[in-house]
Amino acid sequence: MDLTSGLLPSVWYWLAHAVLAVLVIVIGRKVPWRRLSNPALLHLWLGTIVLLSLLWSIRTGLRPGLGFHLLGAAACTLLFGRSLGFFAMLLVLAGQVLTGAIELWTFSVNALVMVAFPVALTHALLRIVQTRLPPNLFVYIFAAAFFGGALSMVATGVLGSVLLSLAGVYERDYLWSEYLLWFVLMSWAEAFVTGGWLTFAVVYRPNWVATFDERRYLNQG
């Protein structure tokens, strides 16, 4: 979902600028930048940004503001943690602005909908998985990664639709019946991309996954 200029009231864009600025300052103070001093992790972080930028460039849409593309927010959050994942996704979005796919004026509102929200949602789900579910490798992969990817996609579509409905851009019935159905379908692709990505990482390079504790999931015997 790419919210374009003129779809929402101007005050909403200004409010989004203010909220995003606060988030960048608050989260920026907690980012473990030292992790990127490891060349392998730095290359992984930058490579993920490039890969997601390519995925975001593969898009389609129905009408203005009703676009579709994979997010990758869940995978980014699970790989690097909430703060590094947040800034990685911001750079992905910034790349879309540089290529002209997204307008600069709408950067903040799109960042809140397609970056901050799915990152926070994935982190919240991860906390539930860690505290409420058994410390099992398959629980992490299927609950946090596969389900987390699907949930982040559907929830982002719902949030964007709610904003468009509240702004009176599109009728609620149209959004629910014609638009969100596609998000449900795309959630399967998002789930498999996220789950496959994390499965590969925890099998071959578990120490690269910030949210994966080898002692918790692999050394139980």
N, C-alpha and C. Protein backbone atom coordinates (compact mmCIF):
# COMPACT_ATOMS: atom_id res chain seq x y z
N MET A 1 0.85 -1.19 0.00
CA MET A 1 0.00 0.00 0.00
C MET A 1 0.88 1.24 0.00
N ASP A 2 0.79 2.04 -1.04
CA ASP A 2 1.57 3.26 -1.15
C ASP A 2 0.61 4.46 -1.14
N LEU A 3 0.59 5.17 -0.04
CA LEU A 3 -0.30 6.32 0.10
C LEU A 3 0.31 7.51 -0.63
N THR A 4 -0.40 8.06 -1.58
CA THR A 4 0.10 9.17 -2.38
C THR A 4 -0.41 10.49 -1.81
N SER A 5 0.17 11.59 -2.29
CA SER A 5 -0.23 12.91 -1.81
C SER A 5 -1.65 13.22 -2.29
N GLY A 6 -2.37 13.96 -1.48
CA GLY A 6 -3.72 14.36 -1.84
C GLY A 6 -4.79 13.38 -1.43
N LEU A 7 -4.39 12.16 -1.02
CA LEU A 7 -5.39 11.19 -0.60
C LEU A 7 -5.91 11.49 0.80
N LEU A 8 -5.02 11.90 1.68
CA LEU A 8 -5.38 12.15 3.07
C LEU A 8 -5.37 13.65 3.36
N PRO A 9 -6.03 14.08 4.42
CA PRO A 9 -5.98 15.49 4.81
C PRO A 9 -4.54 15.92 5.08
N SER A 10 -4.21 17.15 4.73
CA SER A 10 -2.83 17.65 4.87
C SER A 10 -2.31 17.53 6.30
N VAL A 11 -3.20 17.74 7.26
CA VAL A 11 -2.76 17.68 8.66
C VAL A 11 -2.27 16.29 9.02
N TRP A 12 -2.80 15.28 8.37
CA TRP A 12 -2.37 13.91 8.67
C TRP A 12 -0.92 13.70 8.24
N TYR A 13 -0.53 14.31 7.11
CA TYR A 13 0.84 14.19 6.66
C TYR A 13 1.80 14.91 7.61
N TRP A 14 1.39 16.09 8.06
CA TRP A 14 2.22 16.83 9.03
C TRP A 14 2.34 16.06 10.34
N LEU A 15 1.24 15.48 10.78
CA LEU A 15 1.27 14.69 12.01
C LEU A 15 2.19 13.47 11.84
N ALA A 16 2.14 12.86 10.67
CA ALA A 16 3.00 11.71 10.41
C ALA A 16 4.47 12.12 10.45
N HIS A 17 4.80 13.32 9.91
CA HIS A 17 6.18 13.80 9.98
C HIS A 17 6.64 13.91 11.43
N ALA A 18 5.78 14.46 12.27
CA ALA A 18 6.15 14.66 13.67
C ALA A 18 6.32 13.32 14.39
N VAL A 19 5.39 12.40 14.17
CA VAL A 19 5.47 11.10 14.84
C VAL A 19 6.71 10.33 14.40
N LEU A 20 6.98 10.35 13.09
CA LEU A 20 8.15 9.64 12.59
C LEU A 20 9.44 10.24 13.14
N ALA A 21 9.49 11.55 13.24
CA ALA A 21 10.69 12.20 13.79
C ALA A 21 10.94 11.75 15.23
N VAL A 22 9.88 11.67 16.01
CA VAL A 22 10.01 11.20 17.40
C VAL A 22 10.50 9.75 17.43
N LEU A 23 9.92 8.92 16.57
CA LEU A 23 10.33 7.51 16.53
C LEU A 23 11.79 7.36 16.15
N VAL A 24 12.23 8.12 15.16
CA VAL A 24 13.63 8.04 14.73
C VAL A 24 14.57 8.43 15.87
N ILE A 25 14.21 9.46 16.62
CA ILE A 25 15.06 9.89 17.73
C ILE A 25 15.07 8.86 18.85
N VAL A 26 13.89 8.38 19.23
CA VAL A 26 13.78 7.43 20.34
C VAL A 26 14.44 6.10 19.99
N ILE A 27 14.10 5.56 18.82
CA ILE A 27 14.65 4.27 18.43
C ILE A 27 16.13 4.38 18.08
N GLY A 28 16.51 5.53 17.50
CA GLY A 28 17.91 5.72 17.13
C GLY A 28 18.86 5.64 18.31
N ARG A 29 18.38 6.00 19.48
CA ARG A 29 19.22 5.93 20.67
C ARG A 29 19.45 4.50 21.15
N LYS A 30 18.61 3.58 20.68
CA LYS A 30 18.69 2.20 21.16
C LYS A 30 19.27 1.24 20.12
N VAL A 31 19.65 1.76 18.97
CA VAL A 31 20.14 0.88 17.91
C VAL A 31 21.52 0.33 18.28
N PRO A 32 21.71 -0.98 18.23
CA PRO A 32 23.02 -1.58 18.50
C PRO A 32 23.92 -1.50 17.27
N TRP A 33 24.35 -0.27 16.95
CA TRP A 33 25.14 -0.08 15.74
C TRP A 33 26.43 -0.89 15.77
N ARG A 34 26.90 -1.24 16.97
CA ARG A 34 28.15 -1.99 17.06
C ARG A 34 28.05 -3.37 16.40
N ARG A 35 26.84 -3.90 16.31
CA ARG A 35 26.67 -5.19 15.63
C ARG A 35 27.13 -5.11 14.19
N LEU A 36 26.99 -3.94 13.59
CA LEU A 36 27.37 -3.78 12.19
C LEU A 36 28.87 -3.60 12.01
N SER A 37 29.62 -3.59 13.11
CA SER A 37 31.07 -3.56 13.00
C SER A 37 31.60 -4.90 12.51
N ASN A 38 30.77 -5.94 12.63
CA ASN A 38 31.09 -7.24 12.06
C ASN A 38 30.84 -7.16 10.55
N PRO A 39 31.88 -7.30 9.73
CA PRO A 39 31.70 -7.14 8.28
C PRO A 39 30.62 -8.05 7.70
N ALA A 40 30.54 -9.28 8.19
CA ALA A 40 29.54 -10.22 7.66
C ALA A 40 28.13 -9.72 7.94
N LEU A 41 27.90 -9.23 9.16
CA LEU A 41 26.57 -8.72 9.51
C LEU A 41 26.25 -7.43 8.77
N LEU A 42 27.28 -6.60 8.57
CA LEU A 42 27.07 -5.36 7.81
C LEU A 42 26.67 -5.68 6.38
N HIS A 43 27.35 -6.64 5.78
CA HIS A 43 27.02 -7.04 4.41
C HIS A 43 25.61 -7.63 4.34
N LEU A 44 25.24 -8.41 5.36
CA LEU A 44 23.90 -8.98 5.40
C LEU A 44 22.86 -7.88 5.52
N TRP A 45 23.11 -6.90 6.36
CA TRP A 45 22.17 -5.78 6.57
C TRP A 45 21.99 -4.99 5.29
N LEU A 46 23.11 -4.62 4.65
CA LEU A 46 23.04 -3.85 3.42
C LEU A 46 22.45 -4.68 2.28
N GLY A 47 22.82 -5.96 2.23
CA GLY A 47 22.28 -6.83 1.19
C GLY A 47 20.78 -7.01 1.32
N THR A 48 20.30 -7.10 2.56
CA THR A 48 18.86 -7.21 2.79
C THR A 48 18.13 -5.96 2.33
N ILE A 49 18.72 -4.81 2.56
CA ILE A 49 18.12 -3.55 2.12
C ILE A 49 18.00 -3.53 0.59
N VAL A 50 19.06 -3.96 -0.08
CA VAL A 50 19.04 -3.99 -1.55
C VAL A 50 18.00 -4.98 -2.05
N LEU A 51 17.96 -6.17 -1.45
CA LEU A 51 17.01 -7.19 -1.88
C LEU A 51 15.57 -6.72 -1.68
N LEU A 52 15.29 -6.12 -0.53
CA LEU A 52 13.93 -5.64 -0.28
C LEU A 52 13.57 -4.48 -1.21
N SER A 53 14.55 -3.67 -1.55
CA SER A 53 14.30 -2.59 -2.50
C SER A 53 13.87 -3.15 -3.85
N LEU A 54 14.48 -4.26 -4.25
CA LEU A 54 14.09 -4.90 -5.50
C LEU A 54 12.68 -5.49 -5.39
N LEU A 55 12.38 -6.10 -4.24
CA LEU A 55 11.04 -6.66 -4.05
C LEU A 55 9.98 -5.57 -4.06
N TRP A 56 10.29 -4.43 -3.46
CA TRP A 56 9.33 -3.33 -3.43
C TRP A 56 9.10 -2.74 -4.81
N SER A 57 10.08 -2.88 -5.69
CA SER A 57 9.93 -2.33 -7.04
C SER A 57 8.99 -3.17 -7.90
N ILE A 58 8.71 -4.40 -7.45
CA ILE A 58 7.76 -5.27 -8.16
C ILE A 58 6.39 -5.04 -7.54
N ARG A 59 5.63 -4.19 -8.15
CA ARG A 59 4.36 -3.78 -7.56
C ARG A 59 3.27 -3.67 -8.60
N THR A 60 2.07 -3.71 -8.12
CA THR A 60 0.91 -3.47 -8.97
C THR A 60 -0.13 -2.76 -8.12
N GLY A 61 -1.24 -2.37 -8.71
CA GLY A 61 -2.24 -1.65 -7.94
C GLY A 61 -3.57 -1.57 -8.66
N LEU A 62 -4.59 -1.18 -7.90
CA LEU A 62 -5.94 -1.03 -8.46
C LEU A 62 -6.24 0.43 -8.77
N ARG A 63 -6.05 1.28 -7.76
CA ARG A 63 -6.31 2.70 -7.88
C ARG A 63 -5.25 3.44 -7.07
N PRO A 64 -5.22 4.79 -7.12
CA PRO A 64 -4.25 5.53 -6.32
C PRO A 64 -4.33 5.16 -4.84
N GLY A 65 -3.20 4.81 -4.25
CA GLY A 65 -3.15 4.42 -2.85
C GLY A 65 -3.44 2.97 -2.60
N LEU A 66 -3.89 2.25 -3.63
CA LEU A 66 -4.23 0.84 -3.46
C LEU A 66 -3.24 -0.04 -4.21
N GLY A 67 -1.97 0.04 -3.78
CA GLY A 67 -0.92 -0.73 -4.42
C GLY A 67 -0.59 -1.99 -3.65
N PHE A 68 0.15 -2.88 -4.31
CA PHE A 68 0.54 -4.14 -3.69
C PHE A 68 2.02 -4.40 -3.93
N HIS A 69 2.70 -4.82 -2.93
CA HIS A 69 4.05 -5.37 -3.07
C HIS A 69 4.41 -6.06 -1.76
N LEU A 70 5.36 -6.95 -1.80
CA LEU A 70 5.79 -7.63 -0.59
C LEU A 70 6.45 -6.63 0.34
N LEU A 71 6.36 -6.87 1.65
CA LEU A 71 6.90 -5.95 2.63
C LEU A 71 8.31 -6.34 3.09
N GLY A 72 8.44 -7.53 3.63
CA GLY A 72 9.72 -7.96 4.17
C GLY A 72 10.01 -7.41 5.56
N ALA A 73 9.04 -6.70 6.16
CA ALA A 73 9.26 -6.09 7.46
C ALA A 73 9.46 -7.14 8.55
N ALA A 74 8.69 -8.23 8.49
CA ALA A 74 8.82 -9.28 9.50
C ALA A 74 10.19 -9.94 9.42
N ALA A 75 10.63 -10.26 8.21
CA ALA A 75 11.94 -10.88 8.03
C ALA A 75 13.05 -9.96 8.53
N CYS A 76 12.95 -8.69 8.20
CA CYS A 76 13.96 -7.72 8.60
C CYS A 76 14.01 -7.58 10.12
N THR A 77 12.86 -7.57 10.76
CA THR A 77 12.79 -7.43 12.21
C THR A 77 13.36 -8.66 12.90
N LEU A 78 13.03 -9.84 12.42
CA LEU A 78 13.52 -11.06 13.03
C LEU A 78 15.02 -11.24 12.81
N LEU A 79 15.52 -10.83 11.66
CA LEU A 79 16.94 -10.96 11.37
C LEU A 79 17.79 -10.02 12.20
N PHE A 80 17.37 -8.77 12.31
CA PHE A 80 18.23 -7.75 12.90
C PHE A 80 17.74 -7.18 14.22
N GLY A 81 16.53 -7.54 14.63
CA GLY A 81 15.96 -6.95 15.82
C GLY A 81 15.13 -5.73 15.46
N ARG A 82 14.37 -5.25 16.43
CA ARG A 82 13.41 -4.18 16.16
C ARG A 82 14.06 -2.89 15.66
N SER A 83 15.11 -2.43 16.30
CA SER A 83 15.67 -1.12 15.95
C SER A 83 16.46 -1.14 14.64
N LEU A 84 17.36 -2.10 14.47
CA LEU A 84 18.09 -2.19 13.21
C LEU A 84 17.16 -2.54 12.06
N GLY A 85 16.15 -3.36 12.33
CA GLY A 85 15.17 -3.68 11.30
C GLY A 85 14.38 -2.45 10.89
N PHE A 86 14.03 -1.62 11.85
CA PHE A 86 13.29 -0.39 11.58
C PHE A 86 14.08 0.53 10.66
N PHE A 87 15.36 0.74 10.95
CA PHE A 87 16.16 1.64 10.13
C PHE A 87 16.47 1.03 8.76
N ALA A 88 16.60 -0.30 8.70
CA ALA A 88 16.79 -0.94 7.40
C ALA A 88 15.58 -0.70 6.51
N MET A 89 14.39 -0.85 7.08
CA MET A 89 13.17 -0.63 6.31
C MET A 89 13.00 0.83 5.90
N LEU A 90 13.43 1.74 6.76
CA LEU A 90 13.39 3.16 6.39
C LEU A 90 14.27 3.43 5.17
N LEU A 91 15.43 2.78 5.12
CA LEU A 91 16.32 2.96 3.96
C LEU A 91 15.71 2.36 2.70
N VAL A 92 14.99 1.26 2.86
CA VAL A 92 14.28 0.67 1.72
C VAL A 92 13.25 1.67 1.19
N LEU A 93 12.50 2.27 2.10
CA LEU A 93 11.49 3.26 1.70
C LEU A 93 12.15 4.48 1.09
N ALA A 94 13.28 4.91 1.65
CA ALA A 94 14.00 6.05 1.08
C ALA A 94 14.45 5.77 -0.34
N GLY A 95 14.84 4.52 -0.60
CA GLY A 95 15.22 4.16 -1.96
C GLY A 95 14.06 4.28 -2.93
N GLN A 96 12.85 3.97 -2.46
CA GLN A 96 11.67 4.12 -3.30
C GLN A 96 11.39 5.59 -3.61
N VAL A 97 11.71 6.45 -2.67
CA VAL A 97 11.56 7.89 -2.91
C VAL A 97 12.57 8.35 -3.97
N LEU A 98 13.80 7.86 -3.87
CA LEU A 98 14.84 8.26 -4.82
C LEU A 98 14.52 7.80 -6.24
N THR A 99 13.86 6.67 -6.36
CA THR A 99 13.51 6.17 -7.69
C THR A 99 12.21 6.77 -8.22
N GLY A 100 11.53 7.55 -7.39
CA GLY A 100 10.29 8.18 -7.81
C GLY A 100 9.06 7.34 -7.62
N ALA A 101 9.20 6.15 -7.02
CA ALA A 101 8.04 5.28 -6.81
C ALA A 101 7.13 5.81 -5.72
N ILE A 102 7.71 6.54 -4.77
CA ILE A 102 6.95 7.13 -3.67
C ILE A 102 7.35 8.60 -3.55
N GLU A 103 6.37 9.45 -3.31
CA GLU A 103 6.63 10.88 -3.20
C GLU A 103 7.27 11.22 -1.85
N LEU A 104 8.18 12.18 -1.87
CA LEU A 104 8.87 12.59 -0.65
C LEU A 104 7.89 13.09 0.42
N TRP A 105 6.85 13.83 -0.01
CA TRP A 105 5.88 14.38 0.92
C TRP A 105 5.15 13.29 1.70
N THR A 106 5.02 12.12 1.10
CA THR A 106 4.29 11.03 1.73
C THR A 106 5.21 10.03 2.44
N PHE A 107 6.50 10.35 2.52
CA PHE A 107 7.46 9.42 3.12
C PHE A 107 7.06 9.04 4.54
N SER A 108 6.71 10.01 5.36
CA SER A 108 6.44 9.74 6.77
C SER A 108 5.20 8.89 6.98
N VAL A 109 4.13 9.20 6.29
CA VAL A 109 2.90 8.43 6.49
C VAL A 109 3.08 7.00 5.98
N ASN A 110 3.81 6.84 4.88
CA ASN A 110 4.09 5.49 4.39
C ASN A 110 5.04 4.76 5.32
N ALA A 111 5.96 5.49 5.93
CA ALA A 111 6.88 4.87 6.88
C ALA A 111 6.14 4.35 8.11
N LEU A 112 5.16 5.10 8.57
CA LEU A 112 4.39 4.65 9.73
C LEU A 112 3.55 3.43 9.40
N VAL A 113 2.96 3.42 8.20
CA VAL A 113 2.06 2.31 7.83
C VAL A 113 2.84 1.07 7.42
N MET A 114 3.88 1.23 6.60
CA MET A 114 4.56 0.07 6.00
C MET A 114 5.87 -0.29 6.68
N VAL A 115 6.32 0.53 7.62
CA VAL A 115 7.58 0.23 8.32
C VAL A 115 7.35 0.11 9.82
N ALA A 116 7.02 1.22 10.46
CA ALA A 116 6.90 1.22 11.92
C ALA A 116 5.84 0.24 12.42
N PHE A 117 4.69 0.24 11.78
CA PHE A 117 3.60 -0.64 12.24
C PHE A 117 3.93 -2.12 12.09
N PRO A 118 4.31 -2.62 10.90
CA PRO A 118 4.62 -4.05 10.81
C PRO A 118 5.84 -4.47 11.63
N VAL A 119 6.82 -3.58 11.79
CA VAL A 119 7.98 -3.89 12.63
C VAL A 119 7.55 -4.06 14.08
N ALA A 120 6.74 -3.12 14.57
CA ALA A 120 6.25 -3.21 15.96
C ALA A 120 5.37 -4.43 16.16
N LEU A 121 4.53 -4.73 15.17
CA LEU A 121 3.65 -5.89 15.27
C LEU A 121 4.45 -7.19 15.31
N THR A 122 5.47 -7.29 14.46
CA THR A 122 6.33 -8.48 14.45
C THR A 122 7.06 -8.64 15.78
N HIS A 123 7.53 -7.53 16.31
CA HIS A 123 8.24 -7.59 17.60
C HIS A 123 7.29 -8.03 18.72
N ALA A 124 6.06 -7.52 18.69
CA ALA A 124 5.08 -7.91 19.71
C ALA A 124 4.75 -9.39 19.61
N LEU A 125 4.58 -9.89 18.39
CA LEU A 125 4.31 -11.31 18.21
C LEU A 125 5.49 -12.15 18.68
N LEU A 126 6.69 -11.70 18.40
CA LEU A 126 7.89 -12.42 18.84
C LEU A 126 7.93 -12.52 20.36
N ARG A 127 7.57 -11.44 21.04
CA ARG A 127 7.56 -11.46 22.50
C ARG A 127 6.55 -12.48 23.02
N ILE A 128 5.41 -12.58 22.36
CA ILE A 128 4.40 -13.57 22.75
C ILE A 128 4.94 -14.98 22.54
N VAL A 129 5.59 -15.20 21.40
CA VAL A 129 6.18 -16.51 21.10
C VAL A 129 7.23 -16.87 22.15
N GLN A 130 8.04 -15.91 22.54
CA GLN A 130 9.12 -16.16 23.48
C GLN A 130 8.62 -16.41 24.90
N THR A 131 7.54 -15.77 25.28
CA THR A 131 7.08 -15.86 26.66
C THR A 131 5.93 -16.84 26.87
N ARG A 132 5.16 -17.12 25.83
CA ARG A 132 3.96 -17.94 26.01
C ARG A 132 4.05 -19.33 25.37
N LEU A 133 4.96 -19.51 24.43
CA LEU A 133 5.04 -20.77 23.69
C LEU A 133 6.31 -21.54 24.04
N PRO A 134 6.32 -22.84 23.82
CA PRO A 134 7.50 -23.65 24.15
C PRO A 134 8.73 -23.20 23.36
N PRO A 135 9.92 -23.33 23.96
CA PRO A 135 11.15 -22.94 23.28
C PRO A 135 11.55 -23.99 22.25
N ASN A 136 10.81 -24.04 21.18
CA ASN A 136 11.00 -25.04 20.15
C ASN A 136 11.38 -24.36 18.83
N LEU A 137 12.33 -24.95 18.12
CA LEU A 137 12.78 -24.37 16.86
C LEU A 137 11.64 -24.18 15.88
N PHE A 138 10.75 -25.18 15.78
CA PHE A 138 9.66 -25.10 14.82
C PHE A 138 8.61 -24.07 15.24
N VAL A 139 8.48 -23.85 16.55
CA VAL A 139 7.58 -22.80 17.03
C VAL A 139 8.10 -21.44 16.57
N TYR A 140 9.40 -21.24 16.68
CA TYR A 140 10.00 -19.97 16.23
C TYR A 140 9.78 -19.78 14.73
N ILE A 141 10.07 -20.81 13.95
CA ILE A 141 9.99 -20.69 12.50
C ILE A 141 8.55 -20.48 12.03
N PHE A 142 7.62 -21.31 12.55
CA PHE A 142 6.26 -21.24 12.04
C PHE A 142 5.44 -20.12 12.69
N ALA A 143 5.62 -19.90 14.00
CA ALA A 143 4.82 -18.88 14.67
C ALA A 143 5.38 -17.48 14.43
N ALA A 144 6.68 -17.31 14.68
CA ALA A 144 7.27 -15.97 14.55
C ALA A 144 7.53 -15.59 13.10
N ALA A 145 8.04 -16.54 12.30
CA ALA A 145 8.43 -16.21 10.93
C ALA A 145 7.28 -16.36 9.93
N PHE A 146 6.77 -17.59 9.76
CA PHE A 146 5.71 -17.80 8.77
C PHE A 146 4.45 -17.00 9.13
N PHE A 147 3.93 -17.23 10.34
CA PHE A 147 2.70 -16.53 10.74
C PHE A 147 2.97 -15.03 10.89
N GLY A 148 4.14 -14.67 11.41
CA GLY A 148 4.47 -13.26 11.57
C GLY A 148 4.50 -12.52 10.24
N GLY A 149 5.04 -13.17 9.20
CA GLY A 149 5.05 -12.54 7.89
C GLY A 149 3.65 -12.34 7.34
N ALA A 150 2.81 -13.36 7.46
CA ALA A 150 1.44 -13.25 6.97
C ALA A 150 0.66 -12.18 7.74
N LEU A 151 0.81 -12.20 9.07
CA LEU A 151 0.09 -11.23 9.90
C LEU A 151 0.50 -9.81 9.59
N SER A 152 1.79 -9.58 9.39
CA SER A 152 2.26 -8.22 9.11
C SER A 152 1.69 -7.69 7.79
N MET A 153 1.56 -8.57 6.80
CA MET A 153 1.01 -8.15 5.51
C MET A 153 -0.48 -7.80 5.62
N VAL A 154 -1.26 -8.69 6.22
CA VAL A 154 -2.69 -8.45 6.34
C VAL A 154 -2.97 -7.23 7.22
N ALA A 155 -2.27 -7.13 8.35
CA ALA A 155 -2.50 -6.02 9.27
C ALA A 155 -2.14 -4.68 8.65
N THR A 156 -1.09 -4.65 7.85
CA THR A 156 -0.72 -3.41 7.16
C THR A 156 -1.80 -3.00 6.17
N GLY A 157 -2.34 -3.98 5.46
CA GLY A 157 -3.44 -3.68 4.55
C GLY A 157 -4.66 -3.15 5.27
N VAL A 158 -4.97 -3.73 6.43
CA VAL A 158 -6.11 -3.28 7.22
C VAL A 158 -5.89 -1.84 7.71
N LEU A 159 -4.69 -1.55 8.20
CA LEU A 159 -4.41 -0.20 8.69
C LEU A 159 -4.53 0.82 7.58
N GLY A 160 -3.93 0.53 6.43
CA GLY A 160 -4.04 1.46 5.30
C GLY A 160 -5.47 1.65 4.86
N SER A 161 -6.24 0.58 4.85
CA SER A 161 -7.64 0.67 4.44
C SER A 161 -8.45 1.50 5.42
N VAL A 162 -8.16 1.35 6.70
CA VAL A 162 -8.85 2.14 7.71
C VAL A 162 -8.57 3.63 7.51
N LEU A 163 -7.32 3.98 7.22
CA LEU A 163 -6.97 5.38 6.99
C LEU A 163 -7.71 5.93 5.77
N LEU A 164 -7.72 5.15 4.69
CA LEU A 164 -8.40 5.60 3.47
C LEU A 164 -9.90 5.72 3.68
N SER A 165 -10.46 4.80 4.48
CA SER A 165 -11.89 4.86 4.77
C SER A 165 -12.23 6.07 5.63
N LEU A 166 -11.42 6.32 6.66
CA LEU A 166 -11.67 7.46 7.55
C LEU A 166 -11.54 8.78 6.79
N ALA A 167 -10.62 8.81 5.82
CA ALA A 167 -10.42 10.03 5.03
C ALA A 167 -11.49 10.19 3.96
N GLY A 168 -12.34 9.18 3.79
CA GLY A 168 -13.40 9.26 2.80
C GLY A 168 -12.92 9.09 1.37
N VAL A 169 -11.74 8.49 1.18
CA VAL A 169 -11.20 8.32 -0.16
C VAL A 169 -11.94 7.22 -0.91
N TYR A 170 -12.15 6.11 -0.23
CA TYR A 170 -12.86 4.97 -0.82
C TYR A 170 -13.91 4.47 0.18
N GLU A 171 -14.95 3.89 -0.35
CA GLU A 171 -15.98 3.31 0.50
C GLU A 171 -15.44 2.10 1.25
N ARG A 172 -15.86 1.96 2.51
CA ARG A 172 -15.38 0.86 3.33
C ARG A 172 -15.71 -0.50 2.72
N ASP A 173 -16.92 -0.62 2.16
CA ASP A 173 -17.32 -1.90 1.57
C ASP A 173 -16.42 -2.27 0.39
N TYR A 174 -16.04 -1.27 -0.39
CA TYR A 174 -15.16 -1.53 -1.53
C TYR A 174 -13.79 -2.00 -1.05
N LEU A 175 -13.27 -1.34 -0.04
CA LEU A 175 -11.95 -1.71 0.48
C LEU A 175 -11.95 -3.12 1.04
N TRP A 176 -12.99 -3.45 1.80
CA TRP A 176 -13.04 -4.76 2.43
C TRP A 176 -13.28 -5.87 1.43
N SER A 177 -14.09 -5.62 0.41
CA SER A 177 -14.45 -6.70 -0.52
C SER A 177 -13.52 -6.82 -1.72
N GLU A 178 -12.96 -5.68 -2.18
CA GLU A 178 -12.17 -5.70 -3.41
C GLU A 178 -10.67 -5.56 -3.17
N TYR A 179 -10.30 -4.95 -2.06
CA TYR A 179 -8.87 -4.64 -1.86
C TYR A 179 -8.20 -5.56 -0.85
N LEU A 180 -8.79 -5.70 0.33
CA LEU A 180 -8.14 -6.50 1.38
C LEU A 180 -8.06 -7.98 1.03
N LEU A 181 -8.94 -8.43 0.16
CA LEU A 181 -8.86 -9.82 -0.27
C LEU A 181 -7.50 -10.12 -0.90
N TRP A 182 -6.96 -9.15 -1.63
CA TRP A 182 -5.65 -9.35 -2.25
C TRP A 182 -4.55 -9.41 -1.20
N PHE A 183 -4.70 -8.67 -0.12
CA PHE A 183 -3.71 -8.73 0.95
C PHE A 183 -3.71 -10.10 1.61
N VAL A 184 -4.90 -10.69 1.74
CA VAL A 184 -4.98 -12.04 2.31
C VAL A 184 -4.24 -13.02 1.41
N LEU A 185 -4.42 -12.89 0.11
CA LEU A 185 -3.73 -13.78 -0.84
C LEU A 185 -2.22 -13.54 -0.81
N MET A 186 -1.82 -12.27 -0.77
CA MET A 186 -0.39 -11.96 -0.75
C MET A 186 0.27 -12.34 0.56
N SER A 187 -0.53 -12.48 1.61
CA SER A 187 0.04 -12.87 2.90
C SER A 187 0.70 -14.24 2.82
N TRP A 188 0.21 -15.10 1.92
CA TRP A 188 0.83 -16.41 1.75
C TRP A 188 2.24 -16.26 1.19
N ALA A 189 2.38 -15.39 0.20
CA ALA A 189 3.71 -15.15 -0.37
C ALA A 189 4.64 -14.53 0.67
N GLU A 190 4.10 -13.57 1.43
CA GLU A 190 4.90 -12.93 2.48
C GLU A 190 5.32 -13.95 3.53
N ALA A 191 4.42 -14.86 3.87
CA ALA A 191 4.73 -15.89 4.87
C ALA A 191 5.85 -16.80 4.39
N PHE A 192 5.79 -17.23 3.12
CA PHE A 192 6.80 -18.14 2.61
C PHE A 192 8.14 -17.44 2.41
N VAL A 193 8.13 -16.19 2.00
CA VAL A 193 9.38 -15.45 1.86
C VAL A 193 10.04 -15.28 3.23
N THR A 194 9.25 -14.85 4.21
CA THR A 194 9.78 -14.65 5.55
C THR A 194 10.22 -15.96 6.19
N GLY A 195 9.35 -16.96 6.13
CA GLY A 195 9.67 -18.25 6.73
C GLY A 195 10.87 -18.91 6.07
N GLY A 196 10.92 -18.87 4.75
CA GLY A 196 12.04 -19.47 4.04
C GLY A 196 13.35 -18.77 4.34
N TRP A 197 13.30 -17.46 4.38
CA TRP A 197 14.48 -16.65 4.66
C TRP A 197 15.02 -16.97 6.05
N LEU A 198 14.13 -16.99 7.04
CA LEU A 198 14.56 -17.24 8.42
C LEU A 198 14.98 -18.69 8.62
N THR A 199 14.31 -19.62 7.95
CA THR A 199 14.72 -21.02 8.07
C THR A 199 16.14 -21.22 7.56
N PHE A 200 16.43 -20.66 6.41
CA PHE A 200 17.78 -20.74 5.85
C PHE A 200 18.80 -20.13 6.80
N ALA A 201 18.45 -18.98 7.38
CA ALA A 201 19.38 -18.27 8.25
C ALA A 201 19.66 -19.05 9.54
N VAL A 202 18.61 -19.56 10.19
CA VAL A 202 18.83 -20.24 11.48
C VAL A 202 19.50 -21.60 11.29
N VAL A 203 19.40 -22.19 10.09
CA VAL A 203 20.05 -23.47 9.84
C VAL A 203 21.53 -23.28 9.55
N TYR A 204 21.86 -22.28 8.73
CA TYR A 204 23.25 -22.13 8.29
C TYR A 204 24.03 -21.04 9.04
N ARG A 205 23.34 -19.99 9.48
CA ARG A 205 24.02 -18.91 10.19
C ARG A 205 23.15 -18.42 11.36
N PRO A 206 22.88 -19.28 12.35
CA PRO A 206 21.99 -18.86 13.45
C PRO A 206 22.52 -17.67 14.24
N ASN A 207 23.84 -17.51 14.27
CA ASN A 207 24.42 -16.39 15.01
C ASN A 207 24.19 -15.05 14.32
N TRP A 208 23.73 -15.08 13.09
CA TRP A 208 23.41 -13.85 12.38
C TRP A 208 22.00 -13.35 12.68
N VAL A 209 21.16 -14.20 13.23
CA VAL A 209 19.76 -13.83 13.49
C VAL A 209 19.65 -13.26 14.90
N ALA A 210 19.39 -11.98 15.00
CA ALA A 210 19.40 -11.29 16.29
C ALA A 210 18.36 -11.82 17.25
N THR A 211 17.23 -12.28 16.75
CA THR A 211 16.13 -12.71 17.63
C THR A 211 16.14 -14.21 17.89
N PHE A 212 17.16 -14.90 17.40
CA PHE A 212 17.22 -16.35 17.57
C PHE A 212 18.29 -16.71 18.59
N ASP A 213 17.88 -17.32 19.69
CA ASP A 213 18.79 -17.71 20.77
C ASP A 213 19.12 -19.20 20.63
N GLU A 214 20.35 -19.49 20.22
CA GLU A 214 20.75 -20.89 20.02
C GLU A 214 20.61 -21.71 21.30
N ARG A 215 20.94 -21.11 22.44
CA ARG A 215 20.85 -21.82 23.71
C ARG A 215 19.41 -22.18 24.03
N ARG A 216 18.50 -21.35 23.64
CA ARG A 216 17.09 -21.58 23.94
C ARG A 216 16.49 -22.63 23.00
N TYR A 217 16.83 -22.56 21.73
CA TYR A 217 16.16 -23.40 20.75
C TYR A 217 16.93 -24.64 20.32
N LEU A 218 18.26 -24.63 20.44
CA LEU A 218 19.05 -25.75 19.93
C LEU A 218 19.77 -26.56 20.99
N ASN A 219 20.09 -25.95 22.11
CA ASN A 219 20.86 -26.65 23.14
C ASN A 219 19.99 -26.98 24.33
N GLN A 220 19.01 -27.84 24.11
CA GLN A 220 18.07 -28.19 25.18
C GLN A 220 18.34 -29.57 25.75
N GLY A 221 19.27 -30.30 25.17
CA GLY A 221 19.53 -31.64 25.67
C GLY A 221 20.74 -31.73 26.53
